[in-house]
Every structure is written in structure tokens, then in C-alpha cells.
Amino acid sequence: MATLDQGDRDELSDRQYAFPKQRKEPLEDASHVRNAVARFDQVKDVSDAERDEAWKRIQAAARKFDVKLEERSWRELGKPKR
């Protein structure tokens, strides 16, 4: 994953983050998308509606960067696979 320093993060537009209001979880490449999924539950002080919107942004970025998501919803994260 490309490391983003604070200057790089500051240059990103809000729409390049899963959580734009908090500027959390940048979606710059495939590695960042996978990281956003892995850290999704660690984002604090966001509503379910904000999580729904963040998940849509993650899904769009996953399609763009050819990342396969096992989960169809953020609510499935961390649950055992059947």
C-alpha cells in the first residue's frame, strides 16, 4: 500500500474517503480498499446511515480497483463465513 503522509491526505478530496466527513479510510488503490474493509468497524462516532454510504463508496472503489468483496453489506463484517 502506498503510504499517505498528512500532506497527501490533505490533498485528497472528500469523495476519495470511505468516511468523508471524518476523512477516514482513503480509497486510493486496491490496498487502501482492502484496508478500509479491514478497519471499517474501528471508525468511531458514525451513524448507520454514514456506514451505509461508506460501504457504497468502498464497493465502488472495489469495482474500480478489481478487489473482490466477500461481504454484501458492512453488517456482515466480522461474522463467520458459512
PDB file of N, CA and C in Angstrom:
ATOM      1  N   MET A   1       0.856  -1.180   0.000  1.00  0.00           N
ATOM      2  CA  MET A   1       0.000   0.000   0.000  1.00  0.00           C
ATOM      3  C   MET A   1       0.889   1.225   0.000  1.00  0.00           C
ATOM      4  N   ALA A   2       0.516   2.162  -0.813  1.00  0.00           N
ATOM      5  CA  ALA A   2       1.225   3.438  -0.822  1.00  0.00           C
ATOM      6  C   ALA A   2       0.908   4.175   0.476  1.00  0.00           C
ATOM      7  N   THR A   3       1.938   4.633   1.140  1.00  0.00           N
ATOM      8  CA  THR A   3       1.745   5.368   2.382  1.00  0.00           C
ATOM      9  C   THR A   3       1.371   6.803   2.049  1.00  0.00           C
ATOM     10  N   LEU A   4       0.329   7.267   2.695  1.00  0.00           N
ATOM     11  CA  LEU A   4      -0.088   8.655   2.517  1.00  0.00           C
ATOM     12  C   LEU A   4       0.336   9.447   3.742  1.00  0.00           C
ATOM     13  N   ASP A   5       1.191  10.429   3.527  1.00  0.00           N
ATOM     14  CA  ASP A   5       1.533  11.288   4.647  1.00  0.00           C
ATOM     15  C   ASP A   5       0.434  12.345   4.797  1.00  0.00           C
ATOM     16  N   GLN A   6       0.525  13.157   5.802  1.00  0.00           N
ATOM     17  CA  GLN A   6      -0.537  14.128   6.076  1.00  0.00           C
ATOM     18  C   GLN A   6      -0.757  15.077   4.899  1.00  0.00           C
ATOM     19  N   GLY A   7       0.305  15.477   4.243  1.00  0.00           N
ATOM     20  CA  GLY A   7       0.168  16.352   3.079  1.00  0.00           C
ATOM     21  C   GLY A   7      -0.609  15.683   1.960  1.00  0.00           C
ATOM     22  N   ASP A   8      -0.303  14.398   1.712  1.00  0.00           N
ATOM     23  CA  ASP A   8      -1.036  13.641   0.691  1.00  0.00           C
ATOM     24  C   ASP A   8      -2.510  13.520   1.069  1.00  0.00           C
ATOM     25  N   ARG A   9      -2.768  13.226   2.330  1.00  0.00           N
ATOM     26  CA  ARG A   9      -4.157  13.078   2.794  1.00  0.00           C
ATOM     27  C   ARG A   9      -4.920  14.393   2.657  1.00  0.00           C
ATOM     28  N   ASP A  10      -4.243  15.488   2.951  1.00  0.00           N
ATOM     29  CA  ASP A  10      -4.892  16.800   2.858  1.00  0.00           C
ATOM     30  C   ASP A  10      -5.278  17.140   1.422  1.00  0.00           C
ATOM     31  N   GLU A  11      -4.532  16.614   0.460  1.00  0.00           N
ATOM     32  CA  GLU A  11      -4.806  16.895  -0.946  1.00  0.00           C
ATOM     33  C   GLU A  11      -5.960  16.070  -1.513  1.00  0.00           C
ATOM     34  N   LEU A  12      -6.329  14.990  -0.832  1.00  0.00           N
ATOM     35  CA  LEU A  12      -7.425  14.157  -1.320  1.00  0.00           C
ATOM     36  C   LEU A  12      -8.761  14.875  -1.138  1.00  0.00           C
ATOM     37  N   SER A  13      -9.643  14.700  -2.104  1.00  0.00           N
ATOM     38  CA  SER A  13     -10.979  15.273  -1.950  1.00  0.00           C
ATOM     39  C   SER A  13     -11.789  14.398  -1.000  1.00  0.00           C
ATOM     40  N   ASP A  14     -12.849  14.952  -0.442  1.00  0.00           N
ATOM     41  CA  ASP A  14     -13.687  14.201   0.491  1.00  0.00           C
ATOM     42  C   ASP A  14     -14.220  12.918  -0.132  1.00  0.00           C
ATOM     43  N   ARG A  15     -14.517  12.957  -1.430  1.00  0.00           N
ATOM     44  CA  ARG A  15     -15.118  11.781  -2.061  1.00  0.00           C
ATOM     45  C   ARG A  15     -14.126  10.640  -2.237  1.00  0.00           C
ATOM     46  N   GLN A  16     -12.857  10.868  -1.931  1.00  0.00           N
ATOM     47  CA  GLN A  16     -11.847   9.827  -2.019  1.00  0.00           C
ATOM     48  C   GLN A  16     -11.675   9.084  -0.692  1.00  0.00           C
ATOM     49  N   TYR A  17     -12.573   9.313   0.237  1.00  0.00           N
ATOM     50  CA  TYR A  17     -12.568   8.641   1.534  1.00  0.00           C
ATOM     51  C   TYR A  17     -13.852   7.838   1.696  1.00  0.00           C
ATOM     52  N   ALA A  18     -13.774   6.717   2.398  1.00  0.00           N
ATOM     53  CA  ALA A  18     -14.980   5.960   2.713  1.00  0.00           C
ATOM     54  C   ALA A  18     -15.867   6.797   3.636  1.00  0.00           C
ATOM     55  N   PHE A  19     -15.253   7.469   4.600  1.00  0.00           N
ATOM     56  CA  PHE A  19     -15.967   8.331   5.546  1.00  0.00           C
ATOM     57  C   PHE A  19     -15.497   9.770   5.321  1.00  0.00           C
ATOM     58  N   PRO A  20     -16.107  10.478   4.382  1.00  0.00           N
ATOM     59  CA  PRO A  20     -15.598  11.806   4.007  1.00  0.00           C
ATOM     60  C   PRO A  20     -15.696  12.856   5.107  1.00  0.00           C
ATOM     61  N   LYS A  21     -16.750  12.828   5.906  1.00  0.00           N
ATOM     62  CA  LYS A  21     -16.911  13.836   6.960  1.00  0.00           C
ATOM     63  C   LYS A  21     -15.761  13.738   7.973  1.00  0.00           C
ATOM     64  N   GLN A  22     -15.366  12.519   8.287  1.00  0.00           N
ATOM     65  CA  GLN A  22     -14.293  12.281   9.246  1.00  0.00           C
ATOM     66  C   GLN A  22     -12.929  12.192   8.542  1.00  0.00           C
ATOM     67  N   ARG A  23     -12.956  12.142   7.199  1.00  0.00           N
ATOM     68  CA  ARG A  23     -11.751  11.943   6.386  1.00  0.00           C
ATOM     69  C   ARG A  23     -10.992  10.708   6.855  1.00  0.00           C
ATOM     70  N   LYS A  24     -11.755   9.612   6.961  1.00  0.00           N
ATOM     71  CA  LYS A  24     -11.205   8.323   7.390  1.00  0.00           C
ATOM     72  C   LYS A  24     -11.281   7.334   6.243  1.00  0.00           C
ATOM     73  N   GLU A  25     -10.303   6.489   6.163  1.00  0.00           N
ATOM     74  CA  GLU A  25     -10.218   5.390   5.206  1.00  0.00           C
ATOM     75  C   GLU A  25     -10.165   5.852   3.745  1.00  0.00           C
ATOM     76  N   PRO A  26      -8.994   6.335   3.318  1.00  0.00           N
ATOM     77  CA  PRO A  26      -8.834   6.729   1.919  1.00  0.00           C
ATOM     78  C   PRO A  26      -8.994   5.526   0.993  1.00  0.00           C
ATOM     79  N   LEU A  27      -9.477   5.780  -0.209  1.00  0.00           N
ATOM     80  CA  LEU A  27      -9.743   4.719  -1.184  1.00  0.00           C
ATOM     81  C   LEU A  27      -8.950   4.992  -2.460  1.00  0.00           C
ATOM     82  N   GLU A  28      -7.631   5.053  -2.330  1.00  0.00           N
ATOM     83  CA  GLU A  28      -6.749   5.450  -3.423  1.00  0.00           C
ATOM     84  C   GLU A  28      -6.328   4.323  -4.344  1.00  0.00           C
ATOM     85  N   ASP A  29      -6.318   3.102  -3.850  1.00  0.00           N
ATOM     86  CA  ASP A  29      -5.890   1.965  -4.652  1.00  0.00           C
ATOM     87  C   ASP A  29      -6.443   0.691  -4.018  1.00  0.00           C
ATOM     88  N   ALA A  30      -6.141  -0.454  -4.619  1.00  0.00           N
ATOM     89  CA  ALA A  30      -6.680  -1.725  -4.132  1.00  0.00           C
ATOM     90  C   ALA A  30      -6.287  -1.993  -2.681  1.00  0.00           C
ATOM     91  N   SER A  31      -5.062  -1.693  -2.348  1.00  0.00           N
ATOM     92  CA  SER A  31      -4.588  -1.921  -0.984  1.00  0.00           C
ATOM     93  C   SER A  31      -5.364  -1.065   0.025  1.00  0.00           C
ATOM     94  N   HIS A  32      -5.616   0.186  -0.326  1.00  0.00           N
ATOM     95  CA  HIS A  32      -6.394   1.053   0.563  1.00  0.00           C
ATOM     96  C   HIS A  32      -7.831   0.554   0.698  1.00  0.00           C
ATOM     97  N   VAL A  33      -8.389   0.009  -0.366  1.00  0.00           N
ATOM     98  CA  VAL A  33      -9.756  -0.525  -0.294  1.00  0.00           C
ATOM     99  C   VAL A  33      -9.791  -1.698   0.680  1.00  0.00           C
ATOM    100  N   ARG A  34      -8.845  -2.619   0.535  1.00  0.00           N
ATOM    101  CA  ARG A  34      -8.812  -3.766   1.458  1.00  0.00           C
ATOM    102  C   ARG A  34      -8.612  -3.299   2.899  1.00  0.00           C
ATOM    103  N   ASN A  35      -7.781  -2.289   3.090  1.00  0.00           N
ATOM    104  CA  ASN A  35      -7.540  -1.752   4.424  1.00  0.00           C
ATOM    105  C   ASN A  35      -8.807  -1.103   4.989  1.00  0.00           C
ATOM    106  N   ALA A  36      -9.549  -0.397   4.142  1.00  0.00           N
ATOM    107  CA  ALA A  36     -10.797   0.242   4.588  1.00  0.00           C
ATOM    108  C   ALA A  36     -11.797  -0.799   5.070  1.00  0.00           C
ATOM    109  N   VAL A  37     -11.860  -1.928   4.386  1.00  0.00           N
ATOM    110  CA  VAL A  37     -12.760  -3.010   4.808  1.00  0.00           C
ATOM    111  C   VAL A  37     -12.282  -3.571   6.143  1.00  0.00           C
ATOM    112  N   ALA A  38     -11.000  -3.816   6.263  1.00  0.00           N
ATOM    113  CA  ALA A  38     -10.446  -4.397   7.488  1.00  0.00           C
ATOM    114  C   ALA A  38     -10.635  -3.490   8.704  1.00  0.00           C
ATOM    115  N   ARG A  39     -10.593  -2.186   8.494  1.00  0.00           N
ATOM    116  CA  ARG A  39     -10.686  -1.232   9.602  1.00  0.00           C
ATOM    117  C   ARG A  39     -12.076  -0.602   9.746  1.00  0.00           C
ATOM    118  N   PHE A  40     -13.007  -1.047   8.953  1.00  0.00           N
ATOM    119  CA  PHE A  40     -14.330  -0.434   8.899  1.00  0.00           C
ATOM    120  C   PHE A  40     -14.962  -0.291  10.283  1.00  0.00           C
ATOM    121  N   ASP A  41     -14.911  -1.340  11.078  1.00  0.00           N
ATOM    122  CA  ASP A  41     -15.545  -1.322  12.403  1.00  0.00           C
ATOM    123  C   ASP A  41     -14.797  -0.477  13.421  1.00  0.00           C
ATOM    124  N   GLN A  42     -13.596  -0.046  13.083  1.00  0.00           N
ATOM    125  CA  GLN A  42     -12.813   0.766  14.014  1.00  0.00           C
ATOM    126  C   GLN A  42     -13.137   2.251  13.933  1.00  0.00           C
ATOM    127  N   VAL A  43     -13.891   2.649  12.922  1.00  0.00           N
ATOM    128  CA  VAL A  43     -14.258   4.064  12.790  1.00  0.00           C
ATOM    129  C   VAL A  43     -15.330   4.377  13.825  1.00  0.00           C
ATOM    130  N   LYS A  44     -15.060   5.352  14.652  1.00  0.00           N
ATOM    131  CA  LYS A  44     -15.951   5.712  15.768  1.00  0.00           C
ATOM    132  C   LYS A  44     -16.824   6.911  15.427  1.00  0.00           C
ATOM    133  N   ASP A  45     -17.908   7.043  16.165  1.00  0.00           N
ATOM    134  CA  ASP A  45     -18.790   8.208  16.100  1.00  0.00           C
ATOM    135  C   ASP A  45     -19.379   8.452  14.717  1.00  0.00           C
ATOM    136  N   VAL A  46     -19.835   7.370  14.074  1.00  0.00           N
ATOM    137  CA  VAL A  46     -20.542   7.488  12.799  1.00  0.00           C
ATOM    138  C   VAL A  46     -21.866   6.732  12.915  1.00  0.00           C
ATOM    139  N   SER A  47     -22.861   7.245  12.231  1.00  0.00           N
ATOM    140  CA  SER A  47     -24.181   6.628  12.261  1.00  0.00           C
ATOM    141  C   SER A  47     -24.245   5.445  11.302  1.00  0.00           C
ATOM    142  N   ASP A  48     -25.292   4.648  11.432  1.00  0.00           N
ATOM    143  CA  ASP A  48     -25.508   3.552  10.492  1.00  0.00           C
ATOM    144  C   ASP A  48     -25.700   4.091   9.079  1.00  0.00           C
ATOM    145  N   ALA A  49     -26.344   5.229   8.942  1.00  0.00           N
ATOM    146  CA  ALA A  49     -26.537   5.836   7.615  1.00  0.00           C
ATOM    147  C   ALA A  49     -25.178   6.211   7.007  1.00  0.00           C
ATOM    148  N   GLU A  50     -24.271   6.739   7.824  1.00  0.00           N
ATOM    149  CA  GLU A  50     -22.930   7.074   7.329  1.00  0.00           C
ATOM    150  C   GLU A  50     -22.171   5.805   6.955  1.00  0.00           C
ATOM    151  N   ARG A  51     -22.367   4.735   7.719  1.00  0.00           N
ATOM    152  CA  ARG A  51     -21.734   3.455   7.378  1.00  0.00           C
ATOM    153  C   ARG A  51     -22.303   2.904   6.069  1.00  0.00           C
ATOM    154  N   ASP A  52     -23.605   3.051   5.863  1.00  0.00           N
ATOM    155  CA  ASP A  52     -24.214   2.615   4.603  1.00  0.00           C
ATOM    156  C   ASP A  52     -23.578   3.342   3.419  1.00  0.00           C
ATOM    157  N   GLU A  53     -23.422   4.645   3.540  1.00  0.00           N
ATOM    158  CA  GLU A  53     -22.830   5.446   2.470  1.00  0.00           C
ATOM    159  C   GLU A  53     -21.354   5.094   2.274  1.00  0.00           C
ATOM    160  N   ALA A  54     -20.637   4.876   3.365  1.00  0.00           N
ATOM    161  CA  ALA A  54     -19.226   4.495   3.274  1.00  0.00           C
ATOM    162  C   ALA A  54     -19.091   3.156   2.566  1.00  0.00           C
ATOM    163  N   TRP A  55     -19.981   2.231   2.879  1.00  0.00           N
ATOM    164  CA  TRP A  55     -19.919   0.915   2.247  1.00  0.00           C
ATOM    165  C   TRP A  55     -20.153   1.037   0.731  1.00  0.00           C
ATOM    166  N   LYS A  56     -21.051   1.901   0.324  1.00  0.00           N
ATOM    167  CA  LYS A  56     -21.287   2.121  -1.113  1.00  0.00           C
ATOM    168  C   LYS A  56     -20.012   2.651  -1.778  1.00  0.00           C
ATOM    169  N   ARG A  57     -19.324   3.570  -1.116  1.00  0.00           N
ATOM    170  CA  ARG A  57     -18.086   4.106  -1.674  1.00  0.00           C
ATOM    171  C   ARG A  57     -17.008   3.022  -1.747  1.00  0.00           C
ATOM    172  N   ILE A  58     -16.950   2.169  -0.727  1.00  0.00           N
ATOM    173  CA  ILE A  58     -15.983   1.067  -0.731  1.00  0.00           C
ATOM    174  C   ILE A  58     -16.305   0.093  -1.869  1.00  0.00           C
ATOM    175  N   GLN A  59     -17.579  -0.233  -2.062  1.00  0.00           N
ATOM    176  CA  GLN A  59     -17.958  -1.145  -3.144  1.00  0.00           C
ATOM    177  C   GLN A  59     -17.579  -0.561  -4.505  1.00  0.00           C
ATOM    178  N   ALA A  60     -17.812   0.721  -4.692  1.00  0.00           N
ATOM    179  CA  ALA A  60     -17.464   1.361  -5.958  1.00  0.00           C
ATOM    180  C   ALA A  60     -15.953   1.323  -6.179  1.00  0.00           C
ATOM    181  N   ALA A  61     -15.188   1.619  -5.143  1.00  0.00           N
ATOM    182  CA  ALA A  61     -13.728   1.583  -5.257  1.00  0.00           C
ATOM    183  C   ALA A  61     -13.249   0.151  -5.487  1.00  0.00           C
ATOM    184  N   ALA A  62     -13.895  -0.810  -4.857  1.00  0.00           N
ATOM    185  CA  ALA A  62     -13.522  -2.217  -5.054  1.00  0.00           C
ATOM    186  C   ALA A  62     -13.724  -2.615  -6.520  1.00  0.00           C
ATOM    187  N   ARG A  63     -14.821  -2.198  -7.120  1.00  0.00           N
ATOM    188  CA  ARG A  63     -15.044  -2.478  -8.544  1.00  0.00           C
ATOM    189  C   ARG A  63     -13.966  -1.796  -9.393  1.00  0.00           C
ATOM    190  N   LYS A  64     -13.672  -0.553  -9.072  1.00  0.00           N
ATOM    191  CA  LYS A  64     -12.683   0.215  -9.841  1.00  0.00           C
ATOM    192  C   LYS A  64     -11.303  -0.440  -9.800  1.00  0.00           C
ATOM    193  N   PHE A  65     -10.910  -0.936  -8.634  1.00  0.00           N
ATOM    194  CA  PHE A  65      -9.572  -1.492  -8.457  1.00  0.00           C
ATOM    195  C   PHE A  65      -9.551  -3.022  -8.484  1.00  0.00           C
ATOM    196  N   ASP A  66     -10.669  -3.630  -8.899  1.00  0.00           N
ATOM    197  CA  ASP A  66     -10.772  -5.082  -9.052  1.00  0.00           C
ATOM    198  C   ASP A  66     -10.480  -5.830  -7.748  1.00  0.00           C
ATOM    199  N   VAL A  67     -11.106  -5.377  -6.662  1.00  0.00           N
ATOM    200  CA  VAL A  67     -10.986  -6.027  -5.364  1.00  0.00           C
ATOM    201  C   VAL A  67     -12.270  -6.808  -5.121  1.00  0.00           C
ATOM    202  N   LYS A  68     -12.142  -8.092  -4.830  1.00  0.00           N
ATOM    203  CA  LYS A  68     -13.312  -8.929  -4.580  1.00  0.00           C
ATOM    204  C   LYS A  68     -13.726  -8.789  -3.117  1.00  0.00           C
ATOM    205  N   LEU A  69     -14.970  -8.405  -2.906  1.00  0.00           N
ATOM    206  CA  LEU A  69     -15.509  -8.313  -1.548  1.00  0.00           C
ATOM    207  C   LEU A  69     -16.347  -9.550  -1.279  1.00  0.00           C
ATOM    208  N   GLU A  70     -16.105 -10.196  -0.170  1.00  0.00           N
ATOM    209  CA  GLU A  70     -16.896 -11.365   0.228  1.00  0.00           C
ATOM    210  C   GLU A  70     -18.248 -10.937   0.800  1.00  0.00           C
ATOM    211  N   GLU A  71     -18.260  -9.792   1.450  1.00  0.00           N
ATOM    212  CA  GLU A  71     -19.465  -9.311   2.128  1.00  0.00           C
ATOM    213  C   GLU A  71     -20.321  -8.484   1.179  1.00  0.00           C
ATOM    214  N   ARG A  72     -21.629  -8.593   1.340  1.00  0.00           N
ATOM    215  CA  ARG A  72     -22.545  -7.784   0.544  1.00  0.00           C
ATOM    216  C   ARG A  72     -22.942  -6.516   1.301  1.00  0.00           C
ATOM    217  N   SER A  73     -22.744  -6.527   2.606  1.00  0.00           N
ATOM    218  CA  SER A  73     -23.105  -5.399   3.465  1.00  0.00           C
ATOM    219  C   SER A  73     -22.043  -5.252   4.553  1.00  0.00           C
ATOM    220  N   TRP A  74     -21.890  -4.044   5.054  1.00  0.00           N
ATOM    221  CA  TRP A  74     -20.941  -3.840   6.155  1.00  0.00           C
ATOM    222  C   TRP A  74     -21.386  -4.575   7.406  1.00  0.00           C
ATOM    223  N   ARG A  75     -22.660  -4.893   7.487  1.00  0.00           N
ATOM    224  CA  ARG A  75     -23.181  -5.613   8.652  1.00  0.00           C
ATOM    225  C   ARG A  75     -22.679  -7.058   8.708  1.00  0.00           C
ATOM    226  N   GLU A  76     -22.140  -7.561   7.610  1.00  0.00           N
ATOM    227  CA  GLU A  76     -21.603  -8.914   7.552  1.00  0.00           C
ATOM    228  C   GLU A  76     -20.134  -8.965   7.976  1.00  0.00           C
ATOM    229  N   LEU A  77     -19.493  -7.838   8.133  1.00  0.00           N
ATOM    230  CA  LEU A  77     -18.075  -7.811   8.505  1.00  0.00           C
ATOM    231  C   LEU A  77     -17.870  -8.458   9.863  1.00  0.00           C
ATOM    232  N   GLY A  78     -16.844  -9.281   9.952  1.00  0.00           N
ATOM    233  CA  GLY A  78     -16.501  -9.907  11.217  1.00  0.00           C
ATOM    234  C   GLY A  78     -17.348 -11.111  11.575  1.00  0.00           C
ATOM    235  N   LYS A  79     -18.296 -11.461  10.733  1.00  0.00           N
ATOM    236  CA  LYS A  79     -19.128 -12.638  11.007  1.00  0.00           C
ATOM    237  C   LYS A  79     -18.483 -13.853  10.337  1.00  0.00           C
ATOM    238  N   PRO A  80     -18.616 -15.028  10.982  1.00  0.00           N
ATOM    239  CA  PRO A  80     -18.021 -16.232  10.386  1.00  0.00           C
ATOM    240  C   PRO A  80     -18.654 -16.552   9.037  1.00  0.00           C
ATOM    241  N   LYS A  81     -17.819 -17.028   8.107  1.00  0.00           N
ATOM    242  CA  LYS A  81     -18.300 -17.437   6.785  1.00  0.00           C
ATOM    243  C   LYS A  81     -18.969 -18.797   6.889  1.00  0.00           C
ATOM    244  N   ARG A  82     -20.002 -19.008   6.112  1.00  0.00           N
ATOM    245  CA  ARG A  82     -20.675 -20.313   6.127  1.00  0.00           C
ATOM    246  C   ARG A  82     -20.321 -21.101   4.908  1.00  0.00           C
TER     247      ARG A  82
END
